[in-house]
Amino acid sequence: MRPQLMIGNKNYSSWSLRPWLAARHAGIDFDEIRIPLYVPETAAQIRRYSPSGKVPVWREGDFAVWESLAICEYLAEQVPTLWPSDPKARAVARSVSSEMHAGFTALRTGMTMNARARGRKVAETPEIKADIDRIAAIWTDCRQRFGAGGPWLFGTFSVADAMFGPVVLRFVPYGVTRPGVVDDYVANFMADPHLQAWIADAEQETEVLEQFEVGR
């Protein structure tokens, strides 16, 4: 029986995108189960699979891993190339992945992910600007110190890139640009065939969740 990854709406579920990208880039075969969020049957459907009552969750029979970063860590146990091989680079990759997992509340709240949106607007508060500045600093530092061998944060695709994938799907519709590393990284990510496959699926979804449609 193949592993299963339970995800939410591809258009909106930033947490689901992260392990999905990691598994696709690692070449791990899995069955995808999409559970539309914020409809009456959502909670009951998710509880069938997830101990936390949230998505994403990775299942192998009766075994389950939940939380995006924990799933990515588990996948990296199977495909170690999901983390950089150099110990110092790997430590930094884990640090920025954890920072992304736990932080950037202003960005998450004020610039919701909407994979099919374009031309959105938002009032850039000091808190949102601080989050954008910090992300730009992370990307620039990682690319300059560890990414010389390729287009990703640490050269080849890693869990750190998976964790920042949803940020790209915030920067693009809101028109966040920074000449140099940030714009280059966003352009590279948007050309990624796995992300493009996710976006194509998102564009086919019919659900419209108003709480994620701010800034239209």
N, C-alpha and C. Protein backbone atom coordinates (compact mmCIF):
# COMPACT_ATOMS: atom_id res chain seq x y z
N MET A 1 0.85 -1.20 0.00
CA MET A 1 0.00 0.00 0.00
C MET A 1 0.88 1.25 0.00
N ARG A 2 0.60 2.15 -0.92
CA ARG A 2 1.41 3.36 -1.02
C ARG A 2 1.06 4.34 0.10
N PRO A 3 2.02 5.17 0.50
CA PRO A 3 1.72 6.22 1.49
C PRO A 3 0.64 7.15 0.95
N GLN A 4 -0.02 7.80 1.89
CA GLN A 4 -1.05 8.78 1.53
C GLN A 4 -0.69 10.13 2.16
N LEU A 5 -0.92 11.19 1.39
CA LEU A 5 -0.78 12.54 1.92
C LEU A 5 -2.13 13.23 1.85
N MET A 6 -2.67 13.55 3.03
CA MET A 6 -3.93 14.27 3.10
C MET A 6 -3.64 15.77 3.10
N ILE A 7 -4.27 16.48 2.17
CA ILE A 7 -4.03 17.91 2.02
C ILE A 7 -5.36 18.65 1.98
N GLY A 8 -5.29 19.97 2.14
CA GLY A 8 -6.46 20.82 1.98
C GLY A 8 -6.54 21.34 0.55
N ASN A 9 -7.35 22.36 0.35
CA ASN A 9 -7.49 22.98 -0.96
C ASN A 9 -6.12 23.43 -1.48
N LYS A 10 -5.79 23.06 -2.70
CA LYS A 10 -4.49 23.46 -3.24
C LYS A 10 -4.40 24.97 -3.43
N ASN A 11 -5.53 25.60 -3.65
CA ASN A 11 -5.48 27.05 -3.84
C ASN A 11 -5.08 27.79 -2.58
N TYR A 12 -5.41 27.26 -1.42
CA TYR A 12 -5.26 28.01 -0.19
C TYR A 12 -4.33 27.39 0.85
N SER A 13 -4.13 26.09 0.81
CA SER A 13 -3.49 25.40 1.94
C SER A 13 -1.96 25.44 1.83
N SER A 14 -1.39 26.48 2.40
CA SER A 14 0.07 26.63 2.37
C SER A 14 0.76 25.51 3.14
N TRP A 15 0.16 25.07 4.23
CA TRP A 15 0.77 24.00 5.03
C TRP A 15 0.83 22.71 4.23
N SER A 16 -0.20 22.44 3.43
CA SER A 16 -0.23 21.22 2.63
C SER A 16 0.81 21.23 1.52
N LEU A 17 1.06 22.42 0.95
CA LEU A 17 2.00 22.53 -0.15
C LEU A 17 3.40 22.07 0.24
N ARG A 18 3.81 22.34 1.46
CA ARG A 18 5.19 22.09 1.86
C ARG A 18 5.59 20.61 1.75
N PRO A 19 4.93 19.69 2.45
CA PRO A 19 5.35 18.29 2.32
C PRO A 19 5.07 17.72 0.94
N TRP A 20 4.05 18.26 0.27
CA TRP A 20 3.75 17.82 -1.10
C TRP A 20 4.94 18.11 -2.01
N LEU A 21 5.49 19.32 -1.92
CA LEU A 21 6.68 19.67 -2.71
C LEU A 21 7.87 18.79 -2.34
N ALA A 22 8.07 18.60 -1.04
CA ALA A 22 9.21 17.79 -0.60
C ALA A 22 9.11 16.37 -1.16
N ALA A 23 7.94 15.76 -1.08
CA ALA A 23 7.77 14.39 -1.57
C ALA A 23 7.95 14.32 -3.08
N ARG A 24 7.40 15.30 -3.79
CA ARG A 24 7.54 15.31 -5.26
C ARG A 24 9.01 15.45 -5.66
N HIS A 25 9.72 16.39 -5.05
CA HIS A 25 11.12 16.58 -5.39
C HIS A 25 11.98 15.39 -4.99
N ALA A 26 11.58 14.69 -3.93
CA ALA A 26 12.34 13.52 -3.49
C ALA A 26 12.04 12.29 -4.32
N GLY A 27 11.02 12.36 -5.17
CA GLY A 27 10.66 11.21 -5.98
C GLY A 27 9.95 10.12 -5.22
N ILE A 28 9.28 10.48 -4.12
CA ILE A 28 8.55 9.51 -3.31
C ILE A 28 7.13 9.38 -3.85
N ASP A 29 6.73 8.17 -4.18
CA ASP A 29 5.38 7.93 -4.67
C ASP A 29 4.38 7.96 -3.52
N PHE A 30 3.26 8.61 -3.73
CA PHE A 30 2.23 8.64 -2.70
C PHE A 30 0.88 8.91 -3.36
N ASP A 31 -0.17 8.55 -2.66
CA ASP A 31 -1.52 8.88 -3.08
C ASP A 31 -1.97 10.15 -2.37
N GLU A 32 -2.56 11.02 -3.12
CA GLU A 32 -2.99 12.32 -2.59
C GLU A 32 -4.48 12.29 -2.29
N ILE A 33 -4.85 12.70 -1.10
CA ILE A 33 -6.26 12.80 -0.73
C ILE A 33 -6.54 14.26 -0.37
N ARG A 34 -7.35 14.92 -1.19
CA ARG A 34 -7.64 16.34 -0.98
C ARG A 34 -8.95 16.47 -0.21
N ILE A 35 -8.90 17.20 0.88
CA ILE A 35 -10.08 17.42 1.71
C ILE A 35 -10.40 18.92 1.71
N PRO A 36 -11.48 19.34 1.06
CA PRO A 36 -11.82 20.76 1.04
C PRO A 36 -12.00 21.31 2.45
N LEU A 37 -11.44 22.47 2.70
CA LEU A 37 -11.47 23.07 4.04
C LEU A 37 -12.70 23.97 4.22
N TYR A 38 -13.08 24.14 5.49
CA TYR A 38 -14.11 25.09 5.88
C TYR A 38 -15.47 24.81 5.25
N VAL A 39 -15.80 23.53 5.10
CA VAL A 39 -17.16 23.13 4.73
C VAL A 39 -17.67 22.23 5.85
N PRO A 40 -18.99 22.01 5.94
CA PRO A 40 -19.54 21.29 7.10
C PRO A 40 -18.91 19.93 7.38
N GLU A 41 -18.53 19.22 6.32
CA GLU A 41 -18.00 17.87 6.53
C GLU A 41 -16.49 17.83 6.71
N THR A 42 -15.83 18.98 6.69
CA THR A 42 -14.36 19.00 6.75
C THR A 42 -13.82 18.31 8.00
N ALA A 43 -14.30 18.70 9.16
CA ALA A 43 -13.75 18.18 10.41
C ALA A 43 -13.86 16.66 10.49
N ALA A 44 -14.99 16.13 10.12
CA ALA A 44 -15.19 14.68 10.19
C ALA A 44 -14.28 13.95 9.21
N GLN A 45 -14.11 14.51 8.02
CA GLN A 45 -13.24 13.87 7.03
C GLN A 45 -11.79 13.86 7.49
N ILE A 46 -11.33 14.99 8.02
CA ILE A 46 -9.94 15.06 8.46
C ILE A 46 -9.70 14.13 9.64
N ARG A 47 -10.65 14.01 10.55
CA ARG A 47 -10.49 13.16 11.72
C ARG A 47 -10.32 11.69 11.34
N ARG A 48 -10.75 11.32 10.16
CA ARG A 48 -10.56 9.94 9.71
C ARG A 48 -9.08 9.62 9.52
N TYR A 49 -8.29 10.66 9.29
CA TYR A 49 -6.89 10.46 8.95
C TYR A 49 -5.91 11.08 9.94
N SER A 50 -6.31 12.20 10.56
CA SER A 50 -5.34 13.03 11.29
C SER A 50 -5.60 13.06 12.78
N PRO A 51 -4.64 12.66 13.60
CA PRO A 51 -4.81 12.74 15.06
C PRO A 51 -5.01 14.17 15.55
N SER A 52 -4.45 15.15 14.84
CA SER A 52 -4.57 16.55 15.27
C SER A 52 -5.83 17.22 14.77
N GLY A 53 -6.52 16.57 13.84
CA GLY A 53 -7.70 17.19 13.25
C GLY A 53 -7.36 18.25 12.23
N LYS A 54 -6.12 18.23 11.74
CA LYS A 54 -5.68 19.22 10.75
C LYS A 54 -4.94 18.53 9.62
N VAL A 55 -4.83 19.23 8.50
CA VAL A 55 -3.99 18.77 7.40
C VAL A 55 -2.78 19.69 7.32
N PRO A 56 -1.67 19.18 6.78
CA PRO A 56 -1.50 17.88 6.13
C PRO A 56 -1.20 16.78 7.14
N VAL A 57 -1.38 15.55 6.67
CA VAL A 57 -0.98 14.39 7.45
C VAL A 57 -0.49 13.32 6.47
N TRP A 58 0.58 12.65 6.83
CA TRP A 58 1.17 11.58 6.02
C TRP A 58 0.84 10.27 6.69
N ARG A 59 0.28 9.34 5.92
CA ARG A 59 -0.11 8.05 6.51
C ARG A 59 0.50 6.90 5.74
N GLU A 60 0.94 5.92 6.49
CA GLU A 60 1.39 4.63 5.96
C GLU A 60 0.67 3.57 6.75
N GLY A 61 -0.47 3.13 6.26
CA GLY A 61 -1.30 2.22 7.03
C GLY A 61 -1.82 2.92 8.27
N ASP A 62 -1.54 2.32 9.44
CA ASP A 62 -1.99 2.90 10.71
C ASP A 62 -1.03 3.95 11.25
N PHE A 63 0.09 4.12 10.60
CA PHE A 63 1.12 5.07 11.04
C PHE A 63 0.85 6.44 10.43
N ALA A 64 0.91 7.49 11.26
CA ALA A 64 0.63 8.84 10.78
C ALA A 64 1.69 9.82 11.28
N VAL A 65 2.03 10.76 10.42
CA VAL A 65 2.87 11.90 10.80
C VAL A 65 2.12 13.15 10.41
N TRP A 66 2.01 14.09 11.32
CA TRP A 66 1.32 15.33 11.03
C TRP A 66 2.25 16.51 11.31
N GLU A 67 1.80 17.70 10.90
CA GLU A 67 2.60 18.93 10.91
C GLU A 67 3.59 18.91 9.75
N SER A 68 3.59 20.01 8.98
CA SER A 68 4.37 20.08 7.74
C SER A 68 5.85 19.76 7.95
N LEU A 69 6.46 20.40 8.93
CA LEU A 69 7.90 20.22 9.11
C LEU A 69 8.23 18.81 9.57
N ALA A 70 7.39 18.24 10.43
CA ALA A 70 7.62 16.86 10.88
C ALA A 70 7.51 15.88 9.71
N ILE A 71 6.55 16.10 8.81
CA ILE A 71 6.43 15.24 7.64
C ILE A 71 7.68 15.36 6.77
N CYS A 72 8.13 16.59 6.56
CA CYS A 72 9.34 16.79 5.74
C CYS A 72 10.55 16.12 6.37
N GLU A 73 10.67 16.20 7.68
CA GLU A 73 11.77 15.53 8.37
C GLU A 73 11.68 14.01 8.17
N TYR A 74 10.49 13.49 8.24
CA TYR A 74 10.31 12.05 8.05
C TYR A 74 10.69 11.64 6.63
N LEU A 75 10.28 12.43 5.65
CA LEU A 75 10.63 12.14 4.27
C LEU A 75 12.14 12.20 4.06
N ALA A 76 12.79 13.14 4.74
CA ALA A 76 14.24 13.27 4.62
C ALA A 76 14.98 12.09 5.24
N GLU A 77 14.34 11.39 6.18
CA GLU A 77 14.93 10.16 6.70
C GLU A 77 15.01 9.10 5.60
N GLN A 78 14.06 9.16 4.67
CA GLN A 78 14.04 8.19 3.57
C GLN A 78 14.90 8.66 2.40
N VAL A 79 14.92 9.97 2.17
CA VAL A 79 15.71 10.55 1.08
C VAL A 79 16.58 11.65 1.68
N PRO A 80 17.77 11.30 2.16
CA PRO A 80 18.61 12.26 2.89
C PRO A 80 18.99 13.50 2.09
N THR A 81 18.90 13.46 0.77
CA THR A 81 19.25 14.64 -0.02
C THR A 81 18.26 15.79 0.17
N LEU A 82 17.19 15.55 0.90
CA LEU A 82 16.26 16.64 1.22
C LEU A 82 16.86 17.62 2.22
N TRP A 83 17.98 17.25 2.83
CA TRP A 83 18.76 18.21 3.63
C TRP A 83 20.15 18.33 3.00
N PRO A 84 20.81 19.47 3.14
CA PRO A 84 22.19 19.59 2.64
C PRO A 84 23.10 18.58 3.32
N SER A 85 24.11 18.11 2.60
CA SER A 85 25.02 17.11 3.16
C SER A 85 26.02 17.73 4.13
N ASP A 86 26.40 18.98 3.91
CA ASP A 86 27.35 19.64 4.81
C ASP A 86 26.68 19.93 6.16
N PRO A 87 27.30 19.56 7.28
CA PRO A 87 26.66 19.72 8.59
C PRO A 87 26.26 21.17 8.91
N LYS A 88 27.12 22.12 8.57
CA LYS A 88 26.80 23.51 8.87
C LYS A 88 25.66 24.02 7.99
N ALA A 89 25.71 23.67 6.72
CA ALA A 89 24.61 24.05 5.83
C ALA A 89 23.31 23.40 6.28
N ARG A 90 23.39 22.14 6.70
CA ARG A 90 22.20 21.43 7.17
C ARG A 90 21.63 22.09 8.42
N ALA A 91 22.49 22.53 9.32
CA ALA A 91 22.03 23.20 10.55
C ALA A 91 21.33 24.51 10.20
N VAL A 92 21.88 25.26 9.26
CA VAL A 92 21.23 26.51 8.85
C VAL A 92 19.91 26.22 8.15
N ALA A 93 19.88 25.19 7.31
CA ALA A 93 18.64 24.82 6.62
C ALA A 93 17.56 24.46 7.62
N ARG A 94 17.93 23.73 8.65
CA ARG A 94 16.94 23.37 9.68
C ARG A 94 16.50 24.61 10.46
N SER A 95 17.43 25.53 10.69
CA SER A 95 17.10 26.75 11.44
C SER A 95 16.09 27.60 10.68
N VAL A 96 16.35 27.83 9.38
CA VAL A 96 15.43 28.69 8.63
C VAL A 96 14.11 27.98 8.37
N SER A 97 14.13 26.66 8.27
CA SER A 97 12.87 25.92 8.11
C SER A 97 12.01 26.04 9.36
N SER A 98 12.64 25.92 10.52
CA SER A 98 11.92 26.07 11.78
C SER A 98 11.40 27.48 11.96
N GLU A 99 12.23 28.47 11.57
CA GLU A 99 11.79 29.87 11.67
C GLU A 99 10.56 30.11 10.79
N MET A 100 10.57 29.55 9.59
CA MET A 100 9.42 29.69 8.71
C MET A 100 8.20 29.00 9.29
N HIS A 101 8.40 27.84 9.86
CA HIS A 101 7.28 27.08 10.42
C HIS A 101 6.61 27.81 11.57
N ALA A 102 7.40 28.49 12.37
CA ALA A 102 6.87 29.08 13.60
C ALA A 102 6.58 30.57 13.51
N GLY A 103 7.13 31.26 12.50
CA GLY A 103 7.07 32.72 12.51
C GLY A 103 6.32 33.33 11.36
N PHE A 104 6.59 34.62 11.13
CA PHE A 104 6.04 35.40 10.02
C PHE A 104 4.51 35.49 10.07
N THR A 105 4.01 35.75 11.27
CA THR A 105 2.55 35.81 11.47
C THR A 105 1.92 36.94 10.68
N ALA A 106 2.57 38.09 10.64
CA ALA A 106 1.99 39.24 9.93
C ALA A 106 1.84 38.93 8.44
N LEU A 107 2.86 38.30 7.87
CA LEU A 107 2.81 37.94 6.45
C LEU A 107 1.71 36.93 6.20
N ARG A 108 1.63 35.91 7.04
CA ARG A 108 0.61 34.89 6.85
C ARG A 108 -0.80 35.47 6.91
N THR A 109 -1.01 36.38 7.86
CA THR A 109 -2.34 36.93 8.08
C THR A 109 -2.70 37.98 7.03
N GLY A 110 -1.76 38.86 6.73
CA GLY A 110 -2.05 39.97 5.84
C GLY A 110 -1.92 39.66 4.37
N MET A 111 -1.17 38.58 4.04
CA MET A 111 -0.97 38.21 2.64
C MET A 111 -1.26 36.72 2.50
N THR A 112 -2.54 36.38 2.51
CA THR A 112 -2.94 34.99 2.47
C THR A 112 -2.53 34.34 1.15
N MET A 113 -2.24 33.03 1.20
CA MET A 113 -1.87 32.33 -0.02
C MET A 113 -3.10 32.05 -0.86
N ASN A 114 -3.00 32.37 -2.13
CA ASN A 114 -4.06 32.10 -3.09
C ASN A 114 -3.35 31.81 -4.41
N ALA A 115 -3.22 30.52 -4.74
CA ALA A 115 -2.35 30.11 -5.85
C ALA A 115 -2.83 30.62 -7.20
N ARG A 116 -4.12 30.89 -7.34
CA ARG A 116 -4.62 31.32 -8.65
C ARG A 116 -4.81 32.83 -8.75
N ALA A 117 -4.47 33.56 -7.70
CA ALA A 117 -4.69 35.01 -7.70
C ALA A 117 -3.55 35.74 -8.38
N ARG A 118 -3.86 36.92 -8.92
CA ARG A 118 -2.86 37.81 -9.47
C ARG A 118 -3.32 39.25 -9.20
N GLY A 119 -2.37 40.16 -9.15
CA GLY A 119 -2.69 41.58 -9.00
C GLY A 119 -3.38 41.94 -7.70
N ARG A 120 -2.97 41.32 -6.62
CA ARG A 120 -3.59 41.61 -5.33
C ARG A 120 -2.91 42.82 -4.68
N LYS A 121 -3.61 43.41 -3.74
CA LYS A 121 -3.09 44.59 -3.06
C LYS A 121 -3.22 44.39 -1.56
N VAL A 122 -2.28 44.95 -0.81
CA VAL A 122 -2.33 44.89 0.64
C VAL A 122 -1.63 46.11 1.20
N ALA A 123 -2.15 46.62 2.30
CA ALA A 123 -1.47 47.71 3.00
C ALA A 123 -0.24 47.12 3.69
N GLU A 124 0.95 47.54 3.27
CA GLU A 124 2.18 46.96 3.82
C GLU A 124 2.48 47.61 5.17
N THR A 125 2.01 46.95 6.22
CA THR A 125 2.23 47.45 7.57
C THR A 125 3.70 47.28 7.94
N PRO A 126 4.16 47.98 8.99
CA PRO A 126 5.53 47.76 9.44
C PRO A 126 5.82 46.30 9.77
N GLU A 127 4.82 45.60 10.28
CA GLU A 127 5.03 44.19 10.65
C GLU A 127 5.19 43.32 9.40
N ILE A 128 4.37 43.58 8.38
CA ILE A 128 4.50 42.82 7.13
C ILE A 128 5.83 43.13 6.47
N LYS A 129 6.20 44.41 6.44
CA LYS A 129 7.48 44.79 5.85
C LYS A 129 8.65 44.11 6.57
N ALA A 130 8.57 44.04 7.89
CA ALA A 130 9.63 43.38 8.66
C ALA A 130 9.73 41.90 8.29
N ASP A 131 8.58 41.25 8.10
CA ASP A 131 8.59 39.84 7.70
C ASP A 131 9.20 39.67 6.31
N ILE A 132 8.81 40.54 5.38
CA ILE A 132 9.37 40.46 4.02
C ILE A 132 10.88 40.69 4.05
N ASP A 133 11.30 41.69 4.83
CA ASP A 133 12.74 41.97 4.92
C ASP A 133 13.50 40.79 5.48
N ARG A 134 12.93 40.13 6.48
CA ARG A 134 13.61 38.98 7.08
C ARG A 134 13.70 37.82 6.10
N ILE A 135 12.62 37.56 5.39
CA ILE A 135 12.65 36.49 4.39
C ILE A 135 13.66 36.79 3.31
N ALA A 136 13.70 38.04 2.85
CA ALA A 136 14.69 38.43 1.84
C ALA A 136 16.11 38.22 2.35
N ALA A 137 16.32 38.53 3.62
CA ALA A 137 17.65 38.34 4.21
C ALA A 137 18.01 36.86 4.28
N ILE A 138 17.05 36.01 4.65
CA ILE A 138 17.30 34.57 4.72
C ILE A 138 17.66 34.03 3.34
N TRP A 139 16.85 34.35 2.36
CA TRP A 139 17.10 33.84 1.01
C TRP A 139 18.46 34.29 0.50
N THR A 140 18.77 35.57 0.72
CA THR A 140 20.04 36.10 0.22
C THR A 140 21.22 35.43 0.91
N ASP A 141 21.14 35.29 2.22
CA ASP A 141 22.23 34.68 2.97
C ASP A 141 22.44 33.22 2.56
N CYS A 142 21.34 32.47 2.46
CA CYS A 142 21.46 31.05 2.12
C CYS A 142 22.01 30.87 0.70
N ARG A 143 21.49 31.64 -0.23
CA ARG A 143 21.97 31.51 -1.61
C ARG A 143 23.44 31.90 -1.72
N GLN A 144 23.83 32.96 -1.05
CA GLN A 144 25.21 33.44 -1.17
C GLN A 144 26.20 32.52 -0.47
N ARG A 145 25.81 31.97 0.67
CA ARG A 145 26.75 31.12 1.42
C ARG A 145 26.73 29.67 0.98
N PHE A 146 25.53 29.16 0.60
CA PHE A 146 25.40 27.72 0.39
C PHE A 146 24.82 27.32 -0.96
N GLY A 147 24.35 28.27 -1.74
CA GLY A 147 23.60 27.93 -2.95
C GLY A 147 24.36 28.03 -4.24
N ALA A 148 25.69 28.13 -4.18
CA ALA A 148 26.47 28.35 -5.40
C ALA A 148 26.34 27.22 -6.40
N GLY A 149 26.02 26.03 -5.94
CA GLY A 149 25.96 24.89 -6.84
C GLY A 149 24.65 24.73 -7.57
N GLY A 150 23.70 25.61 -7.35
CA GLY A 150 22.40 25.44 -8.01
C GLY A 150 21.45 26.57 -7.69
N PRO A 151 20.23 26.48 -8.17
CA PRO A 151 19.29 27.60 -8.06
C PRO A 151 18.50 27.68 -6.76
N TRP A 152 18.63 26.67 -5.91
CA TRP A 152 17.82 26.64 -4.69
C TRP A 152 18.60 27.24 -3.52
N LEU A 153 17.97 27.33 -2.37
CA LEU A 153 18.59 28.00 -1.22
C LEU A 153 19.92 27.37 -0.84
N PHE A 154 20.02 26.06 -0.97
CA PHE A 154 21.25 25.35 -0.62
C PHE A 154 21.80 24.58 -1.83
N GLY A 155 21.61 25.15 -2.98
CA GLY A 155 22.10 24.55 -4.21
C GLY A 155 21.07 23.64 -4.85
N THR A 156 20.84 22.47 -4.25
CA THR A 156 19.79 21.57 -4.71
C THR A 156 18.56 21.73 -3.81
N PHE A 157 17.42 21.27 -4.29
CA PHE A 157 16.17 21.42 -3.55
C PHE A 157 16.26 20.74 -2.19
N SER A 158 15.78 21.43 -1.16
CA SER A 158 15.82 20.89 0.20
C SER A 158 14.50 21.18 0.91
N VAL A 159 14.38 20.67 2.12
CA VAL A 159 13.21 20.96 2.94
C VAL A 159 13.04 22.47 3.11
N ALA A 160 14.14 23.20 3.20
CA ALA A 160 14.05 24.66 3.36
C ALA A 160 13.30 25.28 2.20
N ASP A 161 13.54 24.82 0.99
CA ASP A 161 12.80 25.34 -0.16
C ASP A 161 11.32 24.98 -0.06
N ALA A 162 11.03 23.75 0.35
CA ALA A 162 9.64 23.34 0.52
C ALA A 162 8.93 24.24 1.52
N MET A 163 9.62 24.61 2.59
CA MET A 163 9.00 25.44 3.61
C MET A 163 8.71 26.85 3.11
N PHE A 164 9.54 27.36 2.19
CA PHE A 164 9.34 28.71 1.69
C PHE A 164 8.52 28.75 0.40
N GLY A 165 8.13 27.60 -0.14
CA GLY A 165 7.32 27.58 -1.34
C GLY A 165 6.06 28.44 -1.24
N PRO A 166 5.29 28.33 -0.16
CA PRO A 166 4.09 29.15 -0.06
C PRO A 166 4.36 30.66 -0.03
N VAL A 167 5.56 31.04 0.41
CA VAL A 167 5.90 32.47 0.39
C VAL A 167 5.97 32.97 -1.04
N VAL A 168 6.51 32.15 -1.93
CA VAL A 168 6.55 32.51 -3.34
C VAL A 168 5.15 32.76 -3.86
N LEU A 169 4.19 31.92 -3.44
CA LEU A 169 2.81 32.08 -3.87
C LEU A 169 2.09 33.18 -3.11
N ARG A 170 2.81 33.89 -2.27
CA ARG A 170 2.34 35.15 -1.70
C ARG A 170 3.02 36.33 -2.41
N PHE A 171 4.32 36.22 -2.61
CA PHE A 171 5.05 37.32 -3.23
C PHE A 171 4.55 37.61 -4.65
N VAL A 172 4.27 36.57 -5.43
CA VAL A 172 3.89 36.79 -6.83
C VAL A 172 2.57 37.54 -6.97
N PRO A 173 1.47 37.08 -6.37
CA PRO A 173 0.21 37.82 -6.57
C PRO A 173 0.21 39.20 -5.93
N TYR A 174 0.98 39.39 -4.87
CA TYR A 174 1.03 40.70 -4.23
C TYR A 174 2.11 41.60 -4.81
N GLY A 175 2.82 41.10 -5.80
CA GLY A 175 3.81 41.93 -6.49
C GLY A 175 5.01 42.30 -5.66
N VAL A 176 5.40 41.43 -4.72
CA VAL A 176 6.59 41.71 -3.90
C VAL A 176 7.82 41.40 -4.75
N THR A 177 8.64 42.41 -4.98
CA THR A 177 9.86 42.22 -5.77
C THR A 177 11.05 42.82 -5.03
N ARG A 178 12.19 42.18 -5.20
CA ARG A 178 13.47 42.66 -4.69
C ARG A 178 14.52 42.30 -5.72
N PRO A 179 15.05 43.27 -6.48
CA PRO A 179 16.03 42.94 -7.51
C PRO A 179 17.19 42.12 -6.95
N GLY A 180 17.58 41.09 -7.69
CA GLY A 180 18.69 40.25 -7.25
C GLY A 180 18.22 38.89 -6.81
N VAL A 181 18.75 38.44 -5.68
CA VAL A 181 18.52 37.07 -5.22
C VAL A 181 17.04 36.76 -5.06
N VAL A 182 16.26 37.64 -4.45
CA VAL A 182 14.85 37.36 -4.18
C VAL A 182 14.09 37.14 -5.48
N ASP A 183 14.22 38.06 -6.42
CA ASP A 183 13.50 37.91 -7.68
C ASP A 183 13.98 36.69 -8.46
N ASP A 184 15.28 36.42 -8.42
CA ASP A 184 15.81 35.23 -9.11
C ASP A 184 15.24 33.95 -8.50
N TYR A 185 15.17 33.92 -7.17
CA TYR A 185 14.67 32.73 -6.48
C TYR A 185 13.19 32.53 -6.78
N VAL A 186 12.42 33.61 -6.76
CA VAL A 186 11.00 33.52 -7.06
C VAL A 186 10.79 33.02 -8.50
N ALA A 187 11.54 33.57 -9.44
CA ALA A 187 11.41 33.16 -10.83
C ALA A 187 11.76 31.69 -11.01
N ASN A 188 12.83 31.24 -10.34
CA ASN A 188 13.21 29.83 -10.41
C ASN A 188 12.10 28.95 -9.83
N PHE A 189 11.55 29.33 -8.71
CA PHE A 189 10.51 28.52 -8.07
C PHE A 189 9.25 28.48 -8.93
N MET A 190 8.90 29.60 -9.53
CA MET A 190 7.70 29.62 -10.36
C MET A 190 7.87 28.78 -11.61
N ALA A 191 9.09 28.54 -12.03
CA ALA A 191 9.35 27.68 -13.20
C ALA A 191 9.42 26.21 -12.83
N ASP A 192 9.39 25.90 -11.55
CA ASP A 192 9.50 24.52 -11.10
C ASP A 192 8.28 23.72 -11.57
N PRO A 193 8.47 22.61 -12.25
CA PRO A 193 7.32 21.86 -12.77
C PRO A 193 6.39 21.33 -11.68
N HIS A 194 6.94 21.03 -10.52
CA HIS A 194 6.08 20.53 -9.44
C HIS A 194 5.18 21.65 -8.92
N LEU A 195 5.74 22.84 -8.72
CA LEU A 195 4.89 23.96 -8.29
C LEU A 195 3.88 24.30 -9.36
N GLN A 196 4.27 24.25 -10.62
CA GLN A 196 3.33 24.54 -11.69
C GLN A 196 2.20 23.51 -11.72
N ALA A 197 2.50 22.26 -11.42
CA ALA A 197 1.46 21.23 -11.35
C ALA A 197 0.48 21.52 -10.23
N TRP A 198 1.01 21.97 -9.09
CA TRP A 198 0.15 22.35 -7.95
C TRP A 198 -0.77 23.51 -8.35
N ILE A 199 -0.20 24.54 -8.98
CA ILE A 199 -0.99 25.70 -9.39
C ILE A 199 -2.07 25.30 -10.40
N ALA A 200 -1.71 24.44 -11.35
CA ALA A 200 -2.69 23.99 -12.34
C ALA A 200 -3.87 23.28 -11.68
N ASP A 201 -3.59 22.46 -10.68
CA ASP A 201 -4.67 21.80 -9.94
C ASP A 201 -5.50 22.83 -9.16
N ALA A 202 -4.82 23.81 -8.58
CA ALA A 202 -5.52 24.85 -7.81
C ALA A 202 -6.49 25.61 -8.70
N GLU A 203 -6.09 25.86 -9.93
CA GLU A 203 -6.93 26.63 -10.84
C GLU A 203 -8.18 25.85 -11.25
N GLN A 204 -8.17 24.55 -11.05
CA GLN A 204 -9.34 23.73 -11.38
C GLN A 204 -10.32 23.61 -10.21
N GLU A 205 -9.89 24.04 -9.04
CA GLU A 205 -10.77 23.93 -7.87
C GLU A 205 -11.92 24.94 -7.99
N THR A 206 -13.06 24.55 -7.48
CA THR A 206 -14.24 25.42 -7.57
C THR A 206 -14.56 26.13 -6.26
N GLU A 207 -13.95 25.70 -5.16
CA GLU A 207 -14.27 26.32 -3.86
C GLU A 207 -13.73 27.75 -3.81
N VAL A 208 -14.50 28.63 -3.22
CA VAL A 208 -14.07 30.01 -2.98
C VAL A 208 -14.21 30.28 -1.48
N LEU A 209 -13.10 30.47 -0.79
CA LEU A 209 -13.10 30.73 0.65
C LEU A 209 -12.80 32.21 0.84
N GLU A 210 -13.80 32.95 1.26
CA GLU A 210 -13.68 34.40 1.32
C GLU A 210 -12.54 34.89 2.20
N GLN A 211 -12.24 34.14 3.27
CA GLN A 211 -11.18 34.58 4.18
C GLN A 211 -9.81 34.56 3.51
N PHE A 212 -9.69 33.85 2.38
CA PHE A 212 -8.43 33.81 1.65
C PHE A 212 -8.48 34.67 0.38
N GLU A 213 -9.55 35.42 0.21
CA GLU A 213 -9.72 36.22 -0.99
C GLU A 213 -9.51 37.71 -0.73
N VAL A 214 -8.89 38.05 0.40
CA VAL A 214 -8.62 39.46 0.71
C VAL A 214 -7.64 40.03 -0.30
N GLY A 215 -7.76 41.32 -0.56
CA GLY A 215 -6.84 41.98 -1.45
C GLY A 215 -7.20 41.85 -2.92
N ARG A 216 -8.46 41.44 -3.20
CA ARG A 216 -8.85 41.30 -4.60
C ARG A 216 -9.03 42.66 -5.23
